[in-house]
Structures are given as structure tokens and as C-alpha cells.
Amino acid sequence: MSSPTLLTLADIAPGQTATISEVIGDDAIAVRLMEMGLTDGETVRVVGRAPLGDPIELSIRGYKLSLRKLEAARVRVQAQKASDVT
């Protein structure tokens, strides 16, 4: 049995939805990401990316949030299949 692939928000394509598994680290950036609502179990949708891929626009908890690619790479997620999204 294979383990699921570890993805981060930086890996998720625009239009795709994912569930946050964890924020990596315990430094000030990790704390700030959690303060912005990126907490375990939350559903997040990638709305879009800037032309060069950075920043990434997200929809979470009813608001829009933009993160740099490096910040998004600190948030581990589990991608949802289209049939899982309500």
C-alpha cells in the first residue's frame, strides 16, 4: 500500500480544492500563517496565480488571501477530488 503524496499549497492548481493537513515549522512565519486562518482541517481553494506564478490567491473561510509561493510551500495539504467538493 503506497502512502499519499505530500503536497503543499504551492503544488495545487488554480480551481482545485484541498484540506490543510499542517503548517510546517514553528517560527514566526508559521504562526502568522495560522493566524491568517490556515489551520489543520480547513478547506482552501486556489483561485489563481499571478502571471509568473507568484503570488497565489486562495479562498479560505469566506475571504481571499494571497501568499507568496515560499509561504504556500509551508502549508501541507491533501487535494480533494472534484466529487469530494460540496
PDB file of N, CA and C in Angstrom:
ATOM      1  N   MET A   1       0.851  -1.187   0.000  1.00  0.00           N
ATOM      2  CA  MET A   1       0.000   0.000   0.000  1.00  0.00           C
ATOM      3  C   MET A   1       0.885   1.234   0.000  1.00  0.00           C
ATOM      4  N   SER A   2       0.692   2.134  -0.937  1.00  0.00           N
ATOM      5  CA  SER A   2       1.534   3.326  -1.033  1.00  0.00           C
ATOM      6  C   SER A   2       0.966   4.453  -0.183  1.00  0.00           C
ATOM      7  N   SER A   3       1.875   5.285   0.328  1.00  0.00           N
ATOM      8  CA  SER A   3       1.437   6.423   1.133  1.00  0.00           C
ATOM      9  C   SER A   3       1.035   7.555   0.210  1.00  0.00           C
ATOM     10  N   PRO A   4       0.132   8.434   0.667  1.00  0.00           N
ATOM     11  CA  PRO A   4      -0.298   9.530  -0.187  1.00  0.00           C
ATOM     12  C   PRO A   4       0.854  10.496  -0.455  1.00  0.00           C
ATOM     13  N   THR A   5       0.839  11.111  -1.618  1.00  0.00           N
ATOM     14  CA  THR A   5       1.865  12.077  -1.968  1.00  0.00           C
ATOM     15  C   THR A   5       1.692  13.323  -1.117  1.00  0.00           C
ATOM     16  N   LEU A   6       2.796  13.812  -0.570  1.00  0.00           N
ATOM     17  CA  LEU A   6       2.737  15.030   0.224  1.00  0.00           C
ATOM     18  C   LEU A   6       2.709  16.229  -0.716  1.00  0.00           C
ATOM     19  N   LEU A   7       1.667  16.997  -0.602  1.00  0.00           N
ATOM     20  CA  LEU A   7       1.502  18.196  -1.419  1.00  0.00           C
ATOM     21  C   LEU A   7       1.505  19.416  -0.517  1.00  0.00           C
ATOM     22  N   THR A   8       1.816  20.549  -1.103  1.00  0.00           N
ATOM     23  CA  THR A   8       1.685  21.819  -0.401  1.00  0.00           C
ATOM     24  C   THR A   8       0.763  22.714  -1.214  1.00  0.00           C
ATOM     25  N   LEU A   9       0.366  23.822  -0.634  1.00  0.00           N
ATOM     26  CA  LEU A   9      -0.480  24.771  -1.376  1.00  0.00           C
ATOM     27  C   LEU A   9       0.218  25.260  -2.640  1.00  0.00           C
ATOM     28  N   ALA A  10       1.527  25.286  -2.651  1.00  0.00           N
ATOM     29  CA  ALA A  10       2.265  25.718  -3.842  1.00  0.00           C
ATOM     30  C   ALA A  10       2.090  24.739  -4.999  1.00  0.00           C
ATOM     31  N   ASP A  11       1.699  23.492  -4.714  1.00  0.00           N
ATOM     32  CA  ASP A  11       1.534  22.453  -5.740  1.00  0.00           C
ATOM     33  C   ASP A  11       0.126  22.383  -6.316  1.00  0.00           C
ATOM     34  N   ILE A  12      -0.833  23.039  -5.681  1.00  0.00           N
ATOM     35  CA  ILE A  12      -2.236  22.923  -6.068  1.00  0.00           C
ATOM     36  C   ILE A  12      -2.543  23.854  -7.241  1.00  0.00           C
ATOM     37  N   ALA A  13      -3.248  23.340  -8.221  1.00  0.00           N
ATOM     38  CA  ALA A  13      -3.577  24.106  -9.426  1.00  0.00           C
ATOM     39  C   ALA A  13      -4.764  25.039  -9.169  1.00  0.00           C
ATOM     40  N   PRO A  14      -4.830  26.159  -9.893  1.00  0.00           N
ATOM     41  CA  PRO A  14      -5.989  27.046  -9.781  1.00  0.00           C
ATOM     42  C   PRO A  14      -7.288  26.291 -10.038  1.00  0.00           C
ATOM     43  N   GLY A  15      -8.281  26.562  -9.189  1.00  0.00           N
ATOM     44  CA  GLY A  15      -9.573  25.898  -9.286  1.00  0.00           C
ATOM     45  C   GLY A  15      -9.676  24.648  -8.430  1.00  0.00           C
ATOM     46  N   GLN A  16      -8.548  24.141  -7.972  1.00  0.00           N
ATOM     47  CA  GLN A  16      -8.541  22.919  -7.171  1.00  0.00           C
ATOM     48  C   GLN A  16      -8.737  23.260  -5.691  1.00  0.00           C
ATOM     49  N   THR A  17      -9.364  22.341  -4.972  1.00  0.00           N
ATOM     50  CA  THR A  17      -9.628  22.499  -3.545  1.00  0.00           C
ATOM     51  C   THR A  17      -8.814  21.475  -2.770  1.00  0.00           C
ATOM     52  N   ALA A  18      -8.394  21.861  -1.556  1.00  0.00           N
ATOM     53  CA  ALA A  18      -7.600  20.971  -0.722  1.00  0.00           C
ATOM     54  C   ALA A  18      -7.961  21.185   0.740  1.00  0.00           C
ATOM     55  N   THR A  19      -7.597  20.206   1.563  1.00  0.00           N
ATOM     56  CA  THR A  19      -7.776  20.299   3.008  1.00  0.00           C
ATOM     57  C   THR A  19      -6.397  20.436   3.640  1.00  0.00           C
ATOM     58  N   ILE A  20      -6.253  21.406   4.519  1.00  0.00           N
ATOM     59  CA  ILE A  20      -4.965  21.649   5.165  1.00  0.00           C
ATOM     60  C   ILE A  20      -4.669  20.534   6.161  1.00  0.00           C
ATOM     61  N   SER A  21      -3.454  19.984   6.075  1.00  0.00           N
ATOM     62  CA  SER A  21      -3.007  18.946   6.997  1.00  0.00           C
ATOM     63  C   SER A  21      -2.161  19.536   8.118  1.00  0.00           C
ATOM     64  N   GLU A  22      -1.263  20.448   7.756  1.00  0.00           N
ATOM     65  CA  GLU A  22      -0.405  21.078   8.756  1.00  0.00           C
ATOM     66  C   GLU A  22       0.327  22.269   8.162  1.00  0.00           C
ATOM     67  N   VAL A  23       0.743  23.156   9.050  1.00  0.00           N
ATOM     68  CA  VAL A  23       1.644  24.244   8.679  1.00  0.00           C
ATOM     69  C   VAL A  23       3.015  23.820   9.181  1.00  0.00           C
ATOM     70  N   ILE A  24       3.985  23.814   8.290  1.00  0.00           N
ATOM     71  CA  ILE A  24       5.318  23.322   8.602  1.00  0.00           C
ATOM     72  C   ILE A  24       6.110  24.391   9.357  1.00  0.00           C
ATOM     73  N   GLY A  25       6.698  23.992  10.472  1.00  0.00           N
ATOM     74  CA  GLY A  25       7.560  24.871  11.253  1.00  0.00           C
ATOM     75  C   GLY A  25       6.872  25.438  12.473  1.00  0.00           C
ATOM     76  N   ASP A  26       7.675  26.107  13.288  1.00  0.00           N
ATOM     77  CA  ASP A  26       7.142  26.748  14.488  1.00  0.00           C
ATOM     78  C   ASP A  26       7.731  28.148  14.670  1.00  0.00           C
ATOM     79  N   ASP A  27       8.164  28.734  13.564  1.00  0.00           N
ATOM     80  CA  ASP A  27       8.725  30.080  13.602  1.00  0.00           C
ATOM     81  C   ASP A  27       7.626  31.128  13.414  1.00  0.00           C
ATOM     82  N   ALA A  28       8.017  32.382  13.319  1.00  0.00           N
ATOM     83  CA  ALA A  28       7.062  33.488  13.195  1.00  0.00           C
ATOM     84  C   ALA A  28       6.219  33.379  11.927  1.00  0.00           C
ATOM     85  N   ILE A  29       6.792  32.885  10.841  1.00  0.00           N
ATOM     86  CA  ILE A  29       6.027  32.756   9.588  1.00  0.00           C
ATOM     87  C   ILE A  29       4.929  31.704   9.749  1.00  0.00           C
ATOM     88  N   ALA A  30       5.248  30.574  10.362  1.00  0.00           N
ATOM     89  CA  ALA A  30       4.253  29.523  10.579  1.00  0.00           C
ATOM     90  C   ALA A  30       3.124  30.026  11.470  1.00  0.00           C
ATOM     91  N   VAL A  31       3.474  30.746  12.514  1.00  0.00           N
ATOM     92  CA  VAL A  31       2.464  31.307  13.415  1.00  0.00           C
ATOM     93  C   VAL A  31       1.579  32.290  12.660  1.00  0.00           C
ATOM     94  N   ARG A  32       2.166  33.139  11.838  1.00  0.00           N
ATOM     95  CA  ARG A  32       1.395  34.133  11.067  1.00  0.00           C
ATOM     96  C   ARG A  32       0.455  33.448  10.082  1.00  0.00           C
ATOM     97  N   LEU A  33       0.910  32.384   9.425  1.00  0.00           N
ATOM     98  CA  LEU A  33       0.050  31.650   8.504  1.00  0.00           C
ATOM     99  C   LEU A  33      -1.172  31.088   9.237  1.00  0.00           C
ATOM    100  N   MET A  34      -0.950  30.554  10.432  1.00  0.00           N
ATOM    101  CA  MET A  34      -2.070  30.029  11.214  1.00  0.00           C
ATOM    102  C   MET A  34      -2.997  31.147  11.678  1.00  0.00           C
ATOM    103  N   GLU A  35      -2.436  32.310  12.018  1.00  0.00           N
ATOM    104  CA  GLU A  35      -3.259  33.460  12.410  1.00  0.00           C
ATOM    105  C   GLU A  35      -4.139  33.941  11.263  1.00  0.00           C
ATOM    106  N   MET A  36      -3.687  33.714  10.021  1.00  0.00           N
ATOM    107  CA  MET A  36      -4.461  34.118   8.850  1.00  0.00           C
ATOM    108  C   MET A  36      -5.544  33.090   8.503  1.00  0.00           C
ATOM    109  N   GLY A  37      -5.671  32.034   9.306  1.00  0.00           N
ATOM    110  CA  GLY A  37      -6.740  31.059   9.101  1.00  0.00           C
ATOM    111  C   GLY A  37      -6.316  29.755   8.471  1.00  0.00           C
ATOM    112  N   LEU A  38      -5.043  29.583   8.191  1.00  0.00           N
ATOM    113  CA  LEU A  38      -4.556  28.352   7.575  1.00  0.00           C
ATOM    114  C   LEU A  38      -4.274  27.330   8.670  1.00  0.00           C
ATOM    115  N   THR A  39      -5.329  26.686   9.140  1.00  0.00           N
ATOM    116  CA  THR A  39      -5.210  25.739  10.241  1.00  0.00           C
ATOM    117  C   THR A  39      -5.637  24.341   9.792  1.00  0.00           C
ATOM    118  N   ASP A  40      -5.194  23.350  10.538  1.00  0.00           N
ATOM    119  CA  ASP A  40      -5.490  21.949  10.224  1.00  0.00           C
ATOM    120  C   ASP A  40      -6.983  21.731  10.033  1.00  0.00           C
ATOM    121  N   GLY A  41      -7.330  21.020   8.967  1.00  0.00           N
ATOM    122  CA  GLY A  41      -8.716  20.660   8.703  1.00  0.00           C
ATOM    123  C   GLY A  41      -9.505  21.666   7.881  1.00  0.00           C
ATOM    124  N   GLU A  42      -8.978  22.877   7.687  1.00  0.00           N
ATOM    125  CA  GLU A  42      -9.688  23.888   6.890  1.00  0.00           C
ATOM    126  C   GLU A  42      -9.615  23.547   5.406  1.00  0.00           C
ATOM    127  N   THR A  43     -10.681  23.855   4.699  1.00  0.00           N
ATOM    128  CA  THR A  43     -10.725  23.678   3.255  1.00  0.00           C
ATOM    129  C   THR A  43     -10.291  24.977   2.596  1.00  0.00           C
ATOM    130  N   VAL A  44      -9.428  24.861   1.604  1.00  0.00           N
ATOM    131  CA  VAL A  44      -8.905  26.023   0.895  1.00  0.00           C
ATOM    132  C   VAL A  44      -8.980  25.754  -0.608  1.00  0.00           C
ATOM    133  N   ARG A  45      -9.305  26.792  -1.379  1.00  0.00           N
ATOM    134  CA  ARG A  45      -9.367  26.675  -2.844  1.00  0.00           C
ATOM    135  C   ARG A  45      -8.366  27.646  -3.448  1.00  0.00           C
ATOM    136  N   VAL A  46      -7.599  27.174  -4.414  1.00  0.00           N
ATOM    137  CA  VAL A  46      -6.681  28.046  -5.128  1.00  0.00           C
ATOM    138  C   VAL A  46      -7.484  28.765  -6.205  1.00  0.00           C
ATOM    139  N   VAL A  47      -7.586  30.075  -6.074  1.00  0.00           N
ATOM    140  CA  VAL A  47      -8.359  30.896  -7.011  1.00  0.00           C
ATOM    141  C   VAL A  47      -7.547  31.168  -8.271  1.00  0.00           C
ATOM    142  N   GLY A  48      -6.282  31.503  -8.091  1.00  0.00           N
ATOM    143  CA  GLY A  48      -5.453  31.801  -9.252  1.00  0.00           C
ATOM    144  C   GLY A  48      -4.027  32.106  -8.850  1.00  0.00           C
ATOM    145  N   ARG A  49      -3.222  32.347  -9.870  1.00  0.00           N
ATOM    146  CA  ARG A  49      -1.812  32.695  -9.678  1.00  0.00           C
ATOM    147  C   ARG A  49      -1.481  33.898 -10.545  1.00  0.00           C
ATOM    148  N   ALA A  50      -0.539  34.676 -10.093  1.00  0.00           N
ATOM    149  CA  ALA A  50      -0.045  35.791 -10.896  1.00  0.00           C
ATOM    150  C   ALA A  50       0.644  35.220 -12.143  1.00  0.00           C
ATOM    151  N   PRO A  51       0.820  36.024 -13.184  1.00  0.00           N
ATOM    152  CA  PRO A  51       1.400  35.521 -14.438  1.00  0.00           C
ATOM    153  C   PRO A  51       2.718  34.762 -14.279  1.00  0.00           C
ATOM    154  N   LEU A  52       3.566  35.152 -13.345  1.00  0.00           N
ATOM    155  CA  LEU A  52       4.826  34.445 -13.143  1.00  0.00           C
ATOM    156  C   LEU A  52       4.721  33.400 -12.024  1.00  0.00           C
ATOM    157  N   GLY A  53       3.491  33.128 -11.543  1.00  0.00           N
ATOM    158  CA  GLY A  53       3.273  32.089 -10.551  1.00  0.00           C
ATOM    159  C   GLY A  53       3.346  32.533  -9.106  1.00  0.00           C
ATOM    160  N   ASP A  54       3.653  33.793  -8.879  1.00  0.00           N
ATOM    161  CA  ASP A  54       3.823  34.277  -7.519  1.00  0.00           C
ATOM    162  C   ASP A  54       3.276  35.694  -7.430  1.00  0.00           C
ATOM    163  N   PRO A  55       2.331  36.026  -6.600  1.00  0.00           N
ATOM    164  CA  PRO A  55       1.741  35.248  -5.518  1.00  0.00           C
ATOM    165  C   PRO A  55       0.609  34.328  -5.987  1.00  0.00           C
ATOM    166  N   ILE A  56       0.100  33.562  -5.014  1.00  0.00           N
ATOM    167  CA  ILE A  56      -1.007  32.633  -5.227  1.00  0.00           C
ATOM    168  C   ILE A  56      -2.212  33.174  -4.470  1.00  0.00           C
ATOM    169  N   GLU A  57      -3.368  33.263  -5.146  1.00  0.00           N
ATOM    170  CA  GLU A  57      -4.589  33.736  -4.495  1.00  0.00           C
ATOM    171  C   GLU A  57      -5.407  32.541  -4.026  1.00  0.00           C
ATOM    172  N   LEU A  58      -5.816  32.586  -2.753  1.00  0.00           N
ATOM    173  CA  LEU A  58      -6.573  31.500  -2.131  1.00  0.00           C
ATOM    174  C   LEU A  58      -7.919  32.006  -1.651  1.00  0.00           C
ATOM    175  N   SER A  59      -8.856  31.098  -1.513  1.00  0.00           N
ATOM    176  CA  SER A  59     -10.132  31.387  -0.878  1.00  0.00           C
ATOM    177  C   SER A  59     -10.242  30.446   0.316  1.00  0.00           C
ATOM    178  N   ILE A  60     -10.367  31.042   1.513  1.00  0.00           N
ATOM    179  CA  ILE A  60     -10.454  30.263   2.741  1.00  0.00           C
ATOM    180  C   ILE A  60     -11.314  31.005   3.743  1.00  0.00           C
ATOM    181  N   ARG A  61     -12.169  30.300   4.435  1.00  0.00           N
ATOM    182  CA  ARG A  61     -13.016  30.873   5.488  1.00  0.00           C
ATOM    183  C   ARG A  61     -13.833  32.081   5.016  1.00  0.00           C
ATOM    184  N   GLY A  62     -14.206  32.090   3.735  1.00  0.00           N
ATOM    185  CA  GLY A  62     -15.047  33.157   3.212  1.00  0.00           C
ATOM    186  C   GLY A  62     -14.317  34.417   2.793  1.00  0.00           C
ATOM    187  N   TYR A  63     -12.985  34.395   2.755  1.00  0.00           N
ATOM    188  CA  TYR A  63     -12.255  35.571   2.284  1.00  0.00           C
ATOM    189  C   TYR A  63     -11.128  35.147   1.357  1.00  0.00           C
ATOM    190  N   LYS A  64     -10.557  36.113   0.658  1.00  0.00           N
ATOM    191  CA  LYS A  64      -9.460  35.862  -0.275  1.00  0.00           C
ATOM    192  C   LYS A  64      -8.147  36.204   0.423  1.00  0.00           C
ATOM    193  N   LEU A  65      -7.133  35.413   0.147  1.00  0.00           N
ATOM    194  CA  LEU A  65      -5.815  35.569   0.754  1.00  0.00           C
ATOM    195  C   LEU A  65      -4.772  35.329  -0.319  1.00  0.00           C
ATOM    196  N   SER A  66      -3.769  36.174  -0.377  1.00  0.00           N
ATOM    197  CA  SER A  66      -2.665  35.977  -1.314  1.00  0.00           C
ATOM    198  C   SER A  66      -1.404  35.646  -0.531  1.00  0.00           C
ATOM    199  N   LEU A  67      -0.711  34.603  -0.983  1.00  0.00           N
ATOM    200  CA  LEU A  67       0.535  34.174  -0.354  1.00  0.00           C
ATOM    201  C   LEU A  67       1.629  34.075  -1.393  1.00  0.00           C
ATOM    202  N   ARG A  68       2.848  34.328  -0.958  1.00  0.00           N
ATOM    203  CA  ARG A  68       4.000  34.063  -1.818  1.00  0.00           C
ATOM    204  C   ARG A  68       4.156  32.551  -1.934  1.00  0.00           C
ATOM    205  N   LYS A  69       4.776  32.131  -3.016  1.00  0.00           N
ATOM    206  CA  LYS A  69       4.976  30.706  -3.267  1.00  0.00           C
ATOM    207  C   LYS A  69       5.755  30.043  -2.116  1.00  0.00           C
ATOM    208  N   LEU A  70       6.753  30.721  -1.585  1.00  0.00           N
ATOM    209  CA  LEU A  70       7.534  30.170  -0.482  1.00  0.00           C
ATOM    210  C   LEU A  70       6.689  29.966   0.766  1.00  0.00           C
ATOM    211  N   GLU A  71       5.757  30.874   1.010  1.00  0.00           N
ATOM    212  CA  GLU A  71       4.851  30.728   2.156  1.00  0.00           C
ATOM    213  C   GLU A  71       3.877  29.577   1.911  1.00  0.00           C
ATOM    214  N   ALA A  72       3.334  29.496   0.708  1.00  0.00           N
ATOM    215  CA  ALA A  72       2.390  28.426   0.371  1.00  0.00           C
ATOM    216  C   ALA A  72       3.041  27.056   0.476  1.00  0.00           C
ATOM    217  N   ALA A  73       4.341  26.984   0.229  1.00  0.00           N
ATOM    218  CA  ALA A  73       5.066  25.721   0.319  1.00  0.00           C
ATOM    219  C   ALA A  73       5.203  25.245   1.764  1.00  0.00           C
ATOM    220  N   ARG A  74       4.872  26.105   2.728  1.00  0.00           N
ATOM    221  CA  ARG A  74       4.936  25.733   4.151  1.00  0.00           C
ATOM    222  C   ARG A  74       3.631  25.116   4.646  1.00  0.00           C
ATOM    223  N   VAL A  75       2.623  25.018   3.770  1.00  0.00           N
ATOM    224  CA  VAL A  75       1.310  24.502   4.173  1.00  0.00           C
ATOM    225  C   VAL A  75       1.066  23.173   3.463  1.00  0.00           C
ATOM    226  N   ARG A  76       1.120  22.080   4.219  1.00  0.00           N
ATOM    227  CA  ARG A  76       0.848  20.754   3.650  1.00  0.00           C
ATOM    228  C   ARG A  76      -0.653  20.555   3.524  1.00  0.00           C
ATOM    229  N   VAL A  77      -1.046  19.964   2.402  1.00  0.00           N
ATOM    230  CA  VAL A  77      -2.468  19.774   2.129  1.00  0.00           C
ATOM    231  C   VAL A  77      -2.721  18.394   1.545  1.00  0.00           C
ATOM    232  N   GLN A  78      -3.992  18.032   1.574  1.00  0.00           N
ATOM    233  CA  GLN A  78      -4.467  16.834   0.879  1.00  0.00           C
ATOM    234  C   GLN A  78      -5.452  17.321  -0.166  1.00  0.00           C
ATOM    235  N   ALA A  79      -5.142  17.111  -1.426  1.00  0.00           N
ATOM    236  CA  ALA A  79      -6.001  17.567  -2.518  1.00  0.00           C
ATOM    237  C   ALA A  79      -7.329  16.818  -2.478  1.00  0.00           C
ATOM    238  N   GLN A  80      -8.402  17.511  -2.792  1.00  0.00           N
ATOM    239  CA  GLN A  80      -9.720  16.896  -2.840  1.00  0.00           C
ATOM    240  C   GLN A  80     -10.071  16.593  -4.291  1.00  0.00           C
ATOM    241  N   LYS A  81     -10.740  15.470  -4.483  1.00  0.00           N
ATOM    242  CA  LYS A  81     -11.243  15.138  -5.809  1.00  0.00           C
ATOM    243  C   LYS A  81     -12.464  15.987  -6.074  1.00  0.00           C
ATOM    244  N   ALA A  82     -12.773  16.211  -7.337  1.00  0.00           N
ATOM    245  CA  ALA A  82     -13.945  17.030  -7.695  1.00  0.00           C
ATOM    246  C   ALA A  82     -15.213  16.474  -7.086  1.00  0.00           C
ATOM    247  N   SER A  83     -15.315  15.166  -6.934  1.00  0.00           N
ATOM    248  CA  SER A  83     -16.524  14.561  -6.356  1.00  0.00           C
ATOM    249  C   SER A  83     -16.618  14.776  -4.852  1.00  0.00           C
ATOM    250  N   ASP A  84     -15.477  15.130  -4.196  1.00  0.00           N
ATOM    251  CA  ASP A  84     -15.463  15.368  -2.749  1.00  0.00           C
ATOM    252  C   ASP A  84     -15.900  16.768  -2.379  1.00  0.00           C
ATOM    253  N   VAL A  85     -15.878  17.695  -3.335  1.00  0.00           N
ATOM    254  CA  VAL A  85     -16.169  19.104  -3.061  1.00  0.00           C
ATOM    255  C   VAL A  85     -17.666  19.313  -3.049  1.00  0.00           C
ATOM    256  N   THR A  86     -18.159  19.997  -1.993  1.00  0.00           N
ATOM    257  CA  THR A  86     -19.599  20.266  -1.889  1.00  0.00           C
ATOM    258  C   THR A  86     -19.902  21.692  -2.244  1.00  0.00           C
TER     259      THR A  86
END
